[in-house]
N, C-alpha and C. Protein backbone atom coordinates (compact mmCIF):
# COMPACT_ATOMS: atom_id res chain seq x y z
N UNK A 1 133.73 106.94 30.39
CA UNK A 1 134.67 107.40 29.39
C UNK A 1 133.91 107.96 28.19
N UNK A 2 134.44 109.01 27.63
CA UNK A 2 133.88 109.60 26.43
C UNK A 2 134.87 109.41 25.29
N UNK A 3 134.34 108.96 24.16
CA UNK A 3 135.16 108.73 22.98
C UNK A 3 134.90 109.83 21.98
N UNK A 4 135.96 110.32 21.35
CA UNK A 4 135.81 111.29 20.29
C UNK A 4 136.95 111.14 19.30
N UNK A 5 136.70 111.63 18.11
CA UNK A 5 137.68 111.58 17.03
C UNK A 5 138.01 113.00 16.59
N UNK A 6 139.24 113.20 16.22
CA UNK A 6 139.65 114.49 15.67
C UNK A 6 140.24 114.24 14.29
N UNK A 7 139.60 114.82 13.28
CA UNK A 7 140.14 114.82 11.93
C UNK A 7 141.14 115.96 11.86
N UNK A 8 142.31 115.70 11.33
CA UNK A 8 143.40 116.69 11.34
C UNK A 8 143.93 116.92 9.93
N UNK A 9 143.92 118.17 9.52
CA UNK A 9 144.54 118.60 8.27
C UNK A 9 145.91 119.15 8.63
N UNK A 10 146.95 118.61 8.00
CA UNK A 10 148.33 119.03 8.30
C UNK A 10 148.86 119.96 7.22
N UNK A 11 149.84 120.74 7.59
CA UNK A 11 150.57 121.52 6.60
C UNK A 11 151.32 120.54 5.70
N UNK A 12 151.54 120.93 4.45
CA UNK A 12 152.20 120.04 3.51
C UNK A 12 153.54 119.53 4.07
N UNK A 13 153.72 118.22 3.97
CA UNK A 13 154.96 117.60 4.41
C UNK A 13 155.09 117.38 5.90
N UNK A 14 154.05 117.68 6.68
CA UNK A 14 154.15 117.59 8.15
C UNK A 14 153.35 116.46 8.77
N UNK A 15 152.69 115.64 7.97
CA UNK A 15 151.78 114.63 8.51
C UNK A 15 152.46 113.69 9.49
N UNK A 16 153.62 113.15 9.13
CA UNK A 16 154.30 112.20 10.02
C UNK A 16 154.82 112.89 11.27
N UNK A 17 155.27 114.13 11.15
CA UNK A 17 155.72 114.89 12.32
C UNK A 17 154.56 115.11 13.30
N UNK A 18 153.41 115.48 12.75
CA UNK A 18 152.23 115.72 13.60
C UNK A 18 151.80 114.43 14.29
N UNK A 19 151.71 113.34 13.54
CA UNK A 19 151.28 112.07 14.12
C UNK A 19 152.22 111.63 15.24
N UNK A 20 153.51 111.74 14.99
CA UNK A 20 154.50 111.35 16.01
C UNK A 20 154.36 112.21 17.25
N UNK A 21 154.20 113.50 17.06
CA UNK A 21 154.08 114.41 18.20
C UNK A 21 152.81 114.13 19.01
N UNK A 22 151.70 113.87 18.33
CA UNK A 22 150.44 113.56 19.03
C UNK A 22 150.58 112.33 19.91
N UNK A 23 151.24 111.31 19.39
CA UNK A 23 151.39 110.06 20.14
C UNK A 23 152.42 110.18 21.24
N UNK A 24 153.54 110.85 20.97
CA UNK A 24 154.64 110.92 21.94
C UNK A 24 154.40 111.92 23.06
N UNK A 25 153.73 113.03 22.79
CA UNK A 25 153.62 114.10 23.77
C UNK A 25 152.37 114.08 24.64
N UNK A 26 151.35 113.35 24.23
CA UNK A 26 150.07 113.40 24.95
C UNK A 26 150.12 112.58 26.23
N UNK A 27 149.51 113.11 27.29
CA UNK A 27 149.33 112.33 28.52
C UNK A 27 148.36 111.19 28.27
N UNK A 28 147.36 111.47 27.45
CA UNK A 28 146.37 110.47 27.08
C UNK A 28 146.70 110.07 25.65
N UNK A 29 147.25 108.89 25.47
CA UNK A 29 147.77 108.47 24.16
C UNK A 29 146.60 108.15 23.23
N UNK A 30 146.57 108.83 22.08
CA UNK A 30 145.52 108.54 21.11
C UNK A 30 145.92 107.41 20.18
N UNK A 31 144.95 106.93 19.46
CA UNK A 31 145.20 106.05 18.33
C UNK A 31 145.14 106.95 17.11
N UNK A 32 146.21 107.03 16.33
CA UNK A 32 146.28 107.94 15.20
C UNK A 32 146.47 107.13 13.92
N UNK A 33 145.62 107.41 12.94
CA UNK A 33 145.71 106.78 11.62
C UNK A 33 145.96 107.86 10.58
N UNK A 34 146.79 107.54 9.58
CA UNK A 34 146.88 108.41 8.41
C UNK A 34 145.73 108.01 7.49
N UNK A 35 145.11 108.99 6.86
CA UNK A 35 143.95 108.74 6.01
C UNK A 35 144.08 109.56 4.73
N UNK A 36 143.23 109.30 3.78
CA UNK A 36 143.22 110.09 2.55
C UNK A 36 141.93 110.89 2.49
N UNK A 37 141.94 111.92 1.69
CA UNK A 37 140.76 112.76 1.55
C UNK A 37 141.03 114.16 2.06
N UNK A 38 140.00 114.78 2.60
CA UNK A 38 140.08 116.16 3.06
C UNK A 38 141.05 116.34 4.22
N UNK A 39 141.20 115.31 5.04
CA UNK A 39 142.08 115.37 6.20
C UNK A 39 143.21 114.36 6.03
N UNK A 40 144.28 114.57 6.77
CA UNK A 40 145.47 113.71 6.67
C UNK A 40 145.54 112.66 7.77
N UNK A 41 144.98 112.98 8.94
CA UNK A 41 145.04 112.09 10.09
C UNK A 41 143.68 112.03 10.77
N UNK A 42 143.42 110.93 11.45
CA UNK A 42 142.29 110.84 12.36
C UNK A 42 142.83 110.28 13.67
N UNK A 43 142.53 110.97 14.76
CA UNK A 43 142.99 110.55 16.08
C UNK A 43 141.78 110.20 16.94
N UNK A 44 141.84 109.07 17.59
CA UNK A 44 140.77 108.63 18.48
C UNK A 44 141.25 108.79 19.92
N UNK A 45 140.42 109.44 20.72
CA UNK A 45 140.74 109.65 22.13
C UNK A 45 139.63 109.10 23.01
N UNK A 46 139.99 108.69 24.21
CA UNK A 46 139.05 108.30 25.25
C UNK A 46 139.41 109.12 26.48
N UNK A 47 138.47 109.93 26.95
CA UNK A 47 138.70 110.76 28.13
C UNK A 47 137.67 110.46 29.20
N UNK A 48 138.03 110.63 30.46
CA UNK A 48 137.05 110.49 31.53
C UNK A 48 135.88 111.46 31.32
N UNK A 49 134.72 111.09 31.83
CA UNK A 49 133.50 111.88 31.64
C UNK A 49 133.64 113.32 32.12
N UNK A 50 134.47 113.56 33.13
CA UNK A 50 134.57 114.91 33.69
C UNK A 50 135.55 115.81 32.95
N UNK A 51 136.22 115.31 31.91
CA UNK A 51 137.14 116.13 31.11
C UNK A 51 136.35 117.03 30.18
N UNK A 52 136.82 118.23 29.99
CA UNK A 52 136.25 119.17 29.03
C UNK A 52 136.93 118.90 27.68
N UNK A 53 136.20 118.30 26.76
CA UNK A 53 136.77 117.93 25.47
C UNK A 53 137.26 119.15 24.70
N UNK A 54 136.49 120.22 24.71
CA UNK A 54 136.89 121.43 24.00
C UNK A 54 138.20 121.99 24.52
N UNK A 55 138.35 122.02 25.83
CA UNK A 55 139.60 122.51 26.43
C UNK A 55 140.75 121.57 26.09
N UNK A 56 140.50 120.25 26.15
CA UNK A 56 141.53 119.28 25.80
C UNK A 56 142.03 119.50 24.37
N UNK A 57 141.09 119.65 23.43
CA UNK A 57 141.47 119.83 22.03
C UNK A 57 142.25 121.13 21.84
N UNK A 58 141.75 122.21 22.44
CA UNK A 58 142.40 123.51 22.23
C UNK A 58 143.75 123.62 22.93
N UNK A 59 143.94 122.91 24.03
CA UNK A 59 145.20 123.02 24.77
C UNK A 59 146.20 121.91 24.45
N UNK A 60 145.73 120.77 23.95
CA UNK A 60 146.61 119.64 23.72
C UNK A 60 146.88 119.38 22.24
N UNK A 61 145.85 119.51 21.41
CA UNK A 61 145.99 119.17 20.00
C UNK A 61 146.34 120.39 19.15
N UNK A 62 145.59 121.45 19.30
CA UNK A 62 145.80 122.64 18.45
C UNK A 62 147.22 123.22 18.50
N UNK A 63 147.91 123.20 19.63
CA UNK A 63 149.27 123.77 19.66
C UNK A 63 150.34 122.94 18.92
N UNK A 64 150.02 121.73 18.50
CA UNK A 64 151.02 120.89 17.84
C UNK A 64 151.45 121.56 16.52
N UNK A 65 152.74 121.80 16.36
CA UNK A 65 153.22 122.41 15.11
C UNK A 65 152.89 121.55 13.90
N UNK A 66 152.44 122.19 12.84
CA UNK A 66 152.13 121.49 11.60
C UNK A 66 150.66 121.21 11.40
N UNK A 67 149.82 121.47 12.41
CA UNK A 67 148.39 121.29 12.25
C UNK A 67 147.81 122.54 11.62
N UNK A 68 147.06 122.34 10.55
CA UNK A 68 146.44 123.45 9.85
C UNK A 68 144.98 123.63 10.23
N UNK A 69 144.24 122.50 10.44
CA UNK A 69 142.82 122.57 10.72
C UNK A 69 142.40 121.27 11.39
N UNK A 70 141.32 121.33 12.17
CA UNK A 70 140.78 120.13 12.80
C UNK A 70 139.25 120.15 12.75
N UNK A 71 138.68 118.97 12.90
CA UNK A 71 137.25 118.81 13.08
C UNK A 71 137.06 117.71 14.11
N UNK A 72 136.30 118.00 15.15
CA UNK A 72 136.10 117.05 16.25
C UNK A 72 134.71 116.44 16.16
N UNK A 73 134.65 115.11 16.31
CA UNK A 73 133.39 114.38 16.30
C UNK A 73 133.28 113.66 17.64
N UNK A 74 132.24 113.99 18.41
CA UNK A 74 132.02 113.38 19.72
C UNK A 74 131.05 112.21 19.56
N UNK A 75 131.39 111.07 20.13
CA UNK A 75 130.56 109.87 20.01
C UNK A 75 129.52 109.81 21.12
N UNK A 76 128.34 109.31 20.78
CA UNK A 76 127.27 109.14 21.76
C UNK A 76 127.21 107.71 22.29
N UNK A 77 127.01 106.76 21.41
CA UNK A 77 126.87 105.36 21.80
C UNK A 77 127.74 104.48 20.91
N UNK A 78 128.17 103.36 21.45
CA UNK A 78 128.90 102.36 20.67
C UNK A 78 127.99 101.16 20.49
N UNK A 79 127.84 100.71 19.27
CA UNK A 79 127.03 99.54 18.98
C UNK A 79 127.95 98.41 18.54
N UNK A 80 127.84 97.31 19.23
CA UNK A 80 128.64 96.13 18.90
C UNK A 80 127.70 94.94 18.74
N UNK A 81 128.26 93.83 18.32
CA UNK A 81 127.44 92.64 18.11
C UNK A 81 126.73 92.21 19.39
N UNK A 82 127.39 92.35 20.53
CA UNK A 82 126.78 91.94 21.80
C UNK A 82 125.99 93.07 22.46
N UNK A 83 125.96 94.25 21.87
CA UNK A 83 125.21 95.37 22.45
C UNK A 83 124.57 96.16 21.31
N UNK A 84 123.55 95.59 20.70
CA UNK A 84 122.91 96.21 19.55
C UNK A 84 121.79 97.16 19.93
N UNK A 85 121.06 97.61 18.94
CA UNK A 85 119.98 98.58 19.15
C UNK A 85 118.86 98.05 20.03
N UNK A 86 118.52 96.78 19.87
CA UNK A 86 117.37 96.25 20.60
C UNK A 86 117.68 95.81 22.02
N UNK A 87 118.94 95.80 22.41
CA UNK A 87 119.30 95.34 23.76
C UNK A 87 118.93 96.37 24.80
N UNK A 88 118.41 95.91 25.88
CA UNK A 88 118.03 96.80 26.99
C UNK A 88 119.05 96.76 28.12
N UNK A 89 120.02 95.89 28.05
CA UNK A 89 120.94 95.72 29.15
C UNK A 89 122.26 96.07 28.83
């Protein structure tokens, strides 16, 4: 599985509409948080390794009405308490 985040800037007054649409319409349900700052929402997705993330974003996220801009961050590794930097297993 590949994890990535999409920061989403919404048109004024559309944040809740966009969040609802992302959660309700997606085949792969994201975790969506409202945030403050440059972007209005952050969505976390997990896709199988063979999915094309760029195609997924352009065909699934970008067409949602009310989205003004996005920035995608692809994750490499997850570090947790039981799987830190020094662990080899």
